[in-house]
Amino acid sequence: MQATPAPAEKSSRGGKSASSSSKGGKKGQSVKVVEGTPPPQQAPQPTPDKETIRKGAARLKQQLSVERIPSDLLSRYVGRWKGDFWVYAPTGELQESKACAIEYKMGDRNTLQMETYYVDRISKQWIVAETATYQNNGDSVLVTIKKPDGKIATQTGHYNDGQLFLVSNIKDGIESYRERIDGKRLLVDGFGVYGGKDSHVFIGRLLRER
């Protein structure tokens, strides 16, 4: 019984191959012919002048920069949101787990009033609510937060790609949050590093109830 021959291999370059007998070679010698298309010739690019370079740099800076705060940004928050808020260590250990409810109402002079209520699932205790005021200043958002102990904290926010990026104004580290409204979802992600050692990861996921 004769073995079935292996299928012929195609050229890796996509060209055609042909077998022929060379007049001066041995009988049955195979010669491979490959057909291909040479790369197109590219015309040399002119050296840009100073004005072209300046305009290109300005366009790039504008594309990379943050956007102006939308005039209706704060009104997008209005309503009652309910969901969960978690705090993790950078290595993944769960540190806090809270059921969360947030109420947003428009205030005077293009401000947004926020009231937050939550309960810690680990300690099974209600946590005193925080309140905050969002102020749209056009190129930034100022958030003034009143802590449960009466202390005042502030955040400065900038807008880009449909998201509000908030940075807490603190001296002993950095704390940053990203807030994004996706349909009926309010997505909050953030991190904090304090004193160079203490660090946390924040995640909030809430649904609009009304």
C-alpha atoms as a PDB file:
ATOM      1  CA  MET A   1       0.000   0.000   0.000  1.00  0.00           C
ATOM      2  CA  GLN A   2       1.498   3.336  -1.074  1.00  0.00           C
ATOM      3  CA  ALA A   3       1.739   6.259   1.423  1.00  0.00           C
ATOM      4  CA  THR A   4      -0.308   9.400   0.686  1.00  0.00           C
ATOM      5  CA  PRO A   5       2.049  12.243  -0.281  1.00  0.00           C
ATOM      6  CA  ALA A   6       2.077  15.426   1.861  1.00  0.00           C
ATOM      7  CA  PRO A   7       0.317  18.491   0.353  1.00  0.00           C
ATOM      8  CA  ALA A   8       2.516  20.916  -1.533  1.00  0.00           C
ATOM      9  CA  GLU A   9       3.607  23.946   0.527  1.00  0.00           C
ATOM     10  CA  LYS A  10       2.810  27.426  -0.687  1.00  0.00           C
ATOM     11  CA  SER A  11       5.372  30.173  -0.729  1.00  0.00           C
ATOM     12  CA  SER A  12       5.321  32.208   2.493  1.00  0.00           C
ATOM     13  CA  ARG A  13       5.483  35.364   0.388  1.00  0.00           C
ATOM     14  CA  GLY A  14       2.282  34.601  -1.450  1.00  0.00           C
ATOM     15  CA  GLY A  15       4.130  34.314  -4.760  1.00  0.00           C
ATOM     16  CA  LYS A  16       3.829  31.588  -7.346  1.00  0.00           C
ATOM     17  CA  SER A  17       6.212  28.652  -7.630  1.00  0.00           C
ATOM     18  CA  ALA A  18       6.989  26.518 -10.638  1.00  0.00           C
ATOM     19  CA  SER A  19       9.056  23.414 -11.216  1.00  0.00           C
ATOM     20  CA  SER A  20      11.161  22.966 -14.331  1.00  0.00           C
ATOM     21  CA  SER A  21      14.176  21.040 -15.432  1.00  0.00           C
ATOM     22  CA  SER A  22      17.331  23.053 -15.860  1.00  0.00           C
ATOM     23  CA  LYS A  23      19.096  22.395 -19.102  1.00  0.00           C
ATOM     24  CA  GLY A  24      22.429  22.269 -17.412  1.00  0.00           C
ATOM     25  CA  GLY A  25      21.262  20.666 -14.182  1.00  0.00           C
ATOM     26  CA  LYS A  26      20.388  17.232 -13.097  1.00  0.00           C
ATOM     27  CA  LYS A  27      17.291  15.586 -14.401  1.00  0.00           C
ATOM     28  CA  GLY A  28      14.200  16.426 -12.316  1.00  0.00           C
ATOM     29  CA  GLN A  29      15.898  19.328 -10.476  1.00  0.00           C
ATOM     30  CA  SER A  30      13.279  21.794  -9.113  1.00  0.00           C
ATOM     31  CA  VAL A  31      13.631  25.525  -9.628  1.00  0.00           C
ATOM     32  CA  LYS A  32      11.402  27.901  -7.550  1.00  0.00           C
ATOM     33  CA  VAL A  33      10.261  31.134  -9.148  1.00  0.00           C
ATOM     34  CA  VAL A  34       8.763  33.792  -6.792  1.00  0.00           C
ATOM     35  CA  GLU A  35       6.767  36.714  -8.088  1.00  0.00           C
ATOM     36  CA  GLY A  36       6.250  39.785  -5.886  1.00  0.00           C
ATOM     37  CA  THR A  37       5.485  43.510  -5.932  1.00  0.00           C
ATOM     38  CA  PRO A  38       8.298  45.870  -4.989  1.00  0.00           C
ATOM     39  CA  PRO A  39       7.461  48.423  -2.256  1.00  0.00           C
ATOM     40  CA  PRO A  40       6.098  51.746  -3.560  1.00  0.00           C
ATOM     41  CA  GLN A  41       8.415  54.672  -3.869  1.00  0.00           C
ATOM     42  CA  GLN A  42       7.669  57.373  -1.258  1.00  0.00           C
ATOM     43  CA  ALA A  43       8.146  60.991  -2.118  1.00  0.00           C
ATOM     44  CA  PRO A  44      10.442  62.855   0.302  1.00  0.00           C
ATOM     45  CA  GLN A  45       8.588  64.937   2.901  1.00  0.00           C
ATOM     46  CA  PRO A  46       9.370  68.658   3.017  1.00  0.00           C
ATOM     47  CA  THR A  47      10.939  69.986   6.199  1.00  0.00           C
ATOM     48  CA  PRO A  48       8.209  71.852   8.184  1.00  0.00           C
ATOM     49  CA  ASP A  49       8.765  75.527   8.895  1.00  0.00           C
ATOM     50  CA  LYS A  50       8.498  77.115  12.343  1.00  0.00           C
ATOM     51  CA  GLU A  51       4.850  78.153  11.901  1.00  0.00           C
ATOM     52  CA  THR A  52       3.801  74.608  10.931  1.00  0.00           C
ATOM     53  CA  ILE A  53       5.643  73.208  13.953  1.00  0.00           C
ATOM     54  CA  ARG A  54       4.004  75.796  16.238  1.00  0.00           C
ATOM     55  CA  LYS A  55       0.487  74.991  14.997  1.00  0.00           C
ATOM     56  CA  GLY A  56       1.111  71.256  15.305  1.00  0.00           C
ATOM     57  CA  ALA A  57       2.347  71.643  18.889  1.00  0.00           C
ATOM     58  CA  ALA A  58      -0.715  73.759  19.754  1.00  0.00           C
ATOM     59  CA  ARG A  59      -3.083  71.117  18.345  1.00  0.00           C
ATOM     60  CA  LEU A  60      -1.309  68.364  20.295  1.00  0.00           C
ATOM     61  CA  LYS A  61      -1.438  70.375  23.527  1.00  0.00           C
ATOM     62  CA  GLN A  62      -5.167  70.988  23.050  1.00  0.00           C
ATOM     63  CA  GLN A  63      -5.828  67.294  22.420  1.00  0.00           C
ATOM     64  CA  LEU A  64      -3.905  66.255  25.546  1.00  0.00           C
ATOM     65  CA  SER A  65      -5.297  68.965  27.813  1.00  0.00           C
ATOM     66  CA  VAL A  66      -8.413  68.683  29.965  1.00  0.00           C
ATOM     67  CA  GLU A  67     -11.755  69.934  28.648  1.00  0.00           C
ATOM     68  CA  ARG A  68     -13.861  72.844  29.835  1.00  0.00           C
ATOM     69  CA  ILE A  69     -16.481  71.802  32.367  1.00  0.00           C
ATOM     70  CA  PRO A  70     -19.833  71.193  30.587  1.00  0.00           C
ATOM     71  CA  SER A  71     -22.458  73.711  31.670  1.00  0.00           C
ATOM     72  CA  ASP A  72     -24.920  70.904  32.504  1.00  0.00           C
ATOM     73  CA  LEU A  73     -22.448  68.636  34.316  1.00  0.00           C
ATOM     74  CA  LEU A  74     -23.860  69.144  37.809  1.00  0.00           C
ATOM     75  CA  SER A  75     -27.455  68.635  36.704  1.00  0.00           C
ATOM     76  CA  ARG A  76     -26.499  65.165  35.448  1.00  0.00           C
ATOM     77  CA  TYR A  77     -25.972  64.072  39.064  1.00  0.00           C
ATOM     78  CA  VAL A  78     -29.378  65.182  40.333  1.00  0.00           C
ATOM     79  CA  GLY A  79     -31.391  62.350  41.889  1.00  0.00           C
ATOM     80  CA  ARG A  80     -30.993  59.543  44.388  1.00  0.00           C
ATOM     81  CA  TRP A  81     -28.332  56.898  43.877  1.00  0.00           C
ATOM     82  CA  LYS A  82     -27.953  53.656  45.794  1.00  0.00           C
ATOM     83  CA  GLY A  83     -25.215  51.038  45.732  1.00  0.00           C
ATOM     84  CA  ASP A  84     -21.969  49.952  47.345  1.00  0.00           C
ATOM     85  CA  PHE A  85     -18.612  51.427  48.266  1.00  0.00           C
ATOM     86  CA  TRP A  86     -15.466  49.402  48.979  1.00  0.00           C
ATOM     87  CA  VAL A  87     -11.999  50.205  50.299  1.00  0.00           C
ATOM     88  CA  TYR A  88      -9.114  47.840  49.539  1.00  0.00           C
ATOM     89  CA  ALA A  89      -5.442  47.662  50.359  1.00  0.00           C
ATOM     90  CA  PRO A  90      -3.230  47.949  47.238  1.00  0.00           C
ATOM     91  CA  THR A  91      -2.528  44.219  47.627  1.00  0.00           C
ATOM     92  CA  GLY A  92      -6.257  43.406  47.467  1.00  0.00           C
ATOM     93  CA  GLU A  93      -7.303  42.904  51.108  1.00  0.00           C
ATOM     94  CA  LEU A  94     -10.806  44.245  51.785  1.00  0.00           C
ATOM     95  CA  GLN A  95     -10.723  46.975  54.441  1.00  0.00           C
ATOM     96  CA  GLU A  96     -14.237  48.448  54.286  1.00  0.00           C
ATOM     97  CA  SER A  97     -17.544  47.428  52.675  1.00  0.00           C
ATOM     98  CA  LYS A  98     -20.447  49.865  52.826  1.00  0.00           C
ATOM     99  CA  ALA A  99     -23.996  50.073  51.524  1.00  0.00           C
ATOM    100  CA  CYS A 100     -24.274  53.597  50.203  1.00  0.00           C
ATOM    101  CA  ALA A 101     -27.016  56.084  49.311  1.00  0.00           C
ATOM    102  CA  ILE A 102     -26.323  59.521  47.832  1.00  0.00           C
ATOM    103  CA  GLU A 103     -28.812  62.338  47.245  1.00  0.00           C
ATOM    104  CA  TYR A 104     -27.904  65.152  44.821  1.00  0.00           C
ATOM    105  CA  LYS A 105     -29.923  68.385  44.581  1.00  0.00           C
ATOM    106  CA  MET A 106     -29.240  71.540  42.606  1.00  0.00           C
ATOM    107  CA  GLY A 107     -28.495  74.573  44.753  1.00  0.00           C
ATOM    108  CA  ASP A 108     -28.080  78.289  44.119  1.00  0.00           C
ATOM    109  CA  ARG A 109     -25.513  79.843  41.749  1.00  0.00           C
ATOM    110  CA  ASN A 110     -24.862  76.691  39.742  1.00  0.00           C
ATOM    111  CA  THR A 111     -23.973  74.549  42.750  1.00  0.00           C
ATOM    112  CA  LEU A 112     -24.825  70.947  43.567  1.00  0.00           C
ATOM    113  CA  GLN A 113     -25.660  69.792  47.104  1.00  0.00           C
ATOM    114  CA  MET A 114     -24.744  66.212  48.056  1.00  0.00           C
ATOM    115  CA  GLU A 115     -25.763  64.147  51.097  1.00  0.00           C
ATOM    116  CA  THR A 116     -24.219  60.710  51.654  1.00  0.00           C
ATOM    117  CA  TYR A 117     -25.508  57.926  53.891  1.00  0.00           C
ATOM    118  CA  TYR A 118     -23.917  54.511  54.348  1.00  0.00           C
ATOM    119  CA  VAL A 119     -23.601  51.551  56.689  1.00  0.00           C
ATOM    120  CA  ASP A 120     -20.425  49.558  57.269  1.00  0.00           C
ATOM    121  CA  ARG A 121     -21.124  45.877  56.628  1.00  0.00           C
ATOM    122  CA  ILE A 122     -18.039  44.770  58.547  1.00  0.00           C
ATOM    123  CA  SER A 123     -18.748  46.635  61.787  1.00  0.00           C
ATOM    124  CA  LYS A 124     -22.549  46.518  61.245  1.00  0.00           C
ATOM    125  CA  GLN A 125     -22.743  50.160  62.282  1.00  0.00           C
ATOM    126  CA  TRP A 126     -24.311  53.175  60.623  1.00  0.00           C
ATOM    127  CA  ILE A 127     -21.802  55.791  59.552  1.00  0.00           C
ATOM    128  CA  VAL A 128     -22.670  59.458  60.016  1.00  0.00           C
ATOM    129  CA  ALA A 129     -23.537  61.121  56.697  1.00  0.00           C
ATOM    130  CA  GLU A 130     -21.211  63.466  54.873  1.00  0.00           C
ATOM    131  CA  THR A 131     -22.360  66.530  52.977  1.00  0.00           C
ATOM    132  CA  ALA A 132     -20.670  68.320  50.100  1.00  0.00           C
ATOM    133  CA  THR A 133     -21.157  71.207  47.692  1.00  0.00           C
ATOM    134  CA  TYR A 134     -20.010  71.105  44.061  1.00  0.00           C
ATOM    135  CA  GLN A 135     -19.268  74.477  42.427  1.00  0.00           C
ATOM    136  CA  ASN A 136     -18.818  74.681  38.636  1.00  0.00           C
ATOM    137  CA  ASN A 137     -16.197  77.350  37.912  1.00  0.00           C
ATOM    138  CA  GLY A 138     -16.000  76.728  34.174  1.00  0.00           C
ATOM    139  CA  ASP A 139     -12.426  75.459  33.964  1.00  0.00           C
ATOM    140  CA  SER A 140     -12.650  73.416  37.192  1.00  0.00           C
ATOM    141  CA  VAL A 141     -15.043  72.152  39.856  1.00  0.00           C
ATOM    142  CA  LEU A 142     -14.522  72.960  43.527  1.00  0.00           C
ATOM    143  CA  VAL A 143     -15.954  70.425  45.979  1.00  0.00           C
ATOM    144  CA  THR A 144     -16.299  71.453  49.635  1.00  0.00           C
ATOM    145  CA  ILE A 145     -16.888  68.486  51.963  1.00  0.00           C
ATOM    146  CA  LYS A 146     -18.121  68.658  55.543  1.00  0.00           C
ATOM    147  CA  LYS A 147     -16.845  65.665  57.495  1.00  0.00           C
ATOM    148  CA  PRO A 148     -18.851  63.925  60.259  1.00  0.00           C
ATOM    149  CA  ASP A 149     -16.578  65.542  62.884  1.00  0.00           C
ATOM    150  CA  GLY A 150     -17.281  69.013  61.469  1.00  0.00           C
ATOM    151  CA  LYS A 151     -13.956  69.397  59.659  1.00  0.00           C
ATOM    152  CA  ILE A 152     -13.941  70.865  56.157  1.00  0.00           C
ATOM    153  CA  ALA A 153     -12.061  69.316  53.226  1.00  0.00           C
ATOM    154  CA  THR A 154     -11.859  70.445  49.614  1.00  0.00           C
ATOM    155  CA  GLN A 155     -11.281  68.815  46.247  1.00  0.00           C
ATOM    156  CA  THR A 156     -10.450  70.306  42.850  1.00  0.00           C
ATOM    157  CA  GLY A 157     -11.930  68.609  39.798  1.00  0.00           C
ATOM    158  CA  HIS A 158     -11.159  68.692  36.088  1.00  0.00           C
ATOM    159  CA  TYR A 159     -13.154  67.175  33.240  1.00  0.00           C
ATOM    160  CA  ASN A 160     -11.937  64.968  30.400  1.00  0.00           C
ATOM    161  CA  ASP A 161     -13.376  62.155  28.239  1.00  0.00           C
ATOM    162  CA  GLY A 162     -16.746  62.239  30.007  1.00  0.00           C
ATOM    163  CA  GLN A 163     -15.224  61.923  33.479  1.00  0.00           C
ATOM    164  CA  LEU A 164     -14.675  64.217  36.448  1.00  0.00           C
ATOM    165  CA  PHE A 165     -11.222  63.800  37.995  1.00  0.00           C
ATOM    166  CA  LEU A 166     -11.079  65.025  41.608  1.00  0.00           C
ATOM    167  CA  VAL A 167      -7.907  65.611  43.618  1.00  0.00           C
ATOM    168  CA  SER A 168      -8.156  66.223  47.372  1.00  0.00           C
ATOM    169  CA  ASN A 169      -6.282  69.255  48.632  1.00  0.00           C
ATOM    170  CA  ILE A 170      -4.209  67.605  51.379  1.00  0.00           C
ATOM    171  CA  LYS A 171      -0.648  68.138  52.582  1.00  0.00           C
ATOM    172  CA  ASP A 172       0.385  64.666  53.751  1.00  0.00           C
ATOM    173  CA  GLY A 173      -0.137  62.741  50.509  1.00  0.00           C
ATOM    174  CA  ILE A 174      -2.420  62.454  47.502  1.00  0.00           C
ATOM    175  CA  GLU A 175      -6.038  61.355  47.133  1.00  0.00           C
ATOM    176  CA  SER A 176      -7.697  61.170  43.721  1.00  0.00           C
ATOM    177  CA  TYR A 177     -11.142  60.069  42.517  1.00  0.00           C
ATOM    178  CA  ARG A 178     -12.710  59.589  39.106  1.00  0.00           C
ATOM    179  CA  GLU A 179     -16.506  60.029  38.811  1.00  0.00           C
ATOM    180  CA  ARG A 180     -18.316  58.950  35.663  1.00  0.00           C
ATOM    181  CA  ILE A 181     -22.052  58.746  34.924  1.00  0.00           C
ATOM    182  CA  ASP A 182     -22.805  55.879  32.555  1.00  0.00           C
ATOM    183  CA  GLY A 183     -26.544  55.895  31.866  1.00  0.00           C
ATOM    184  CA  LYS A 184     -28.141  54.952  35.205  1.00  0.00           C
ATOM    185  CA  ARG A 185     -24.819  54.063  36.814  1.00  0.00           C
ATOM    186  CA  LEU A 186     -22.512  56.278  38.862  1.00  0.00           C
ATOM    187  CA  LEU A 187     -18.988  54.834  38.782  1.00  0.00           C
ATOM    188  CA  VAL A 188     -16.414  56.015  41.325  1.00  0.00           C
ATOM    189  CA  ASP A 189     -12.783  54.865  41.348  1.00  0.00           C
ATOM    190  CA  GLY A 190      -9.906  56.281  43.331  1.00  0.00           C
ATOM    191  CA  PHE A 191      -6.795  55.842  45.398  1.00  0.00           C
ATOM    192  CA  GLY A 192      -5.104  57.500  48.340  1.00  0.00           C
ATOM    193  CA  VAL A 193      -1.527  57.564  49.618  1.00  0.00           C
ATOM    194  CA  TYR A 194      -0.945  59.257  52.973  1.00  0.00           C
ATOM    195  CA  GLY A 195       2.357  59.977  54.642  1.00  0.00           C
ATOM    196  CA  GLY A 196       4.164  57.851  52.070  1.00  0.00           C
ATOM    197  CA  LYS A 197       3.042  54.579  53.720  1.00  0.00           C
ATOM    198  CA  ASP A 198      -0.715  54.361  54.312  1.00  0.00           C
ATOM    199  CA  SER A 199      -2.489  53.664  51.001  1.00  0.00           C
ATOM    200  CA  HIS A 200      -5.948  52.574  49.861  1.00  0.00           C
ATOM    201  CA  VAL A 201      -7.962  51.816  46.716  1.00  0.00           C
ATOM    202  CA  PHE A 202     -11.568  53.115  46.506  1.00  0.00           C
ATOM    203  CA  ILE A 203     -14.391  51.682  44.375  1.00  0.00           C
ATOM    204  CA  GLY A 204     -18.024  52.847  44.278  1.00  0.00           C
ATOM    205  CA  ARG A 205     -20.835  51.461  42.130  1.00  0.00           C
ATOM    206  CA  LEU A 206     -24.280  53.067  42.396  1.00  0.00           C
ATOM    207  CA  LEU A 207     -27.559  52.930  40.436  1.00  0.00           C
ATOM    208  CA  ARG A 208     -29.946  55.826  39.970  1.00  0.00           C
ATOM    209  CA  GLU A 209     -33.215  55.205  41.836  1.00  0.00           C
ATOM    210  CA  ARG A 210     -34.913  58.395  40.699  1.00  0.00           C
END
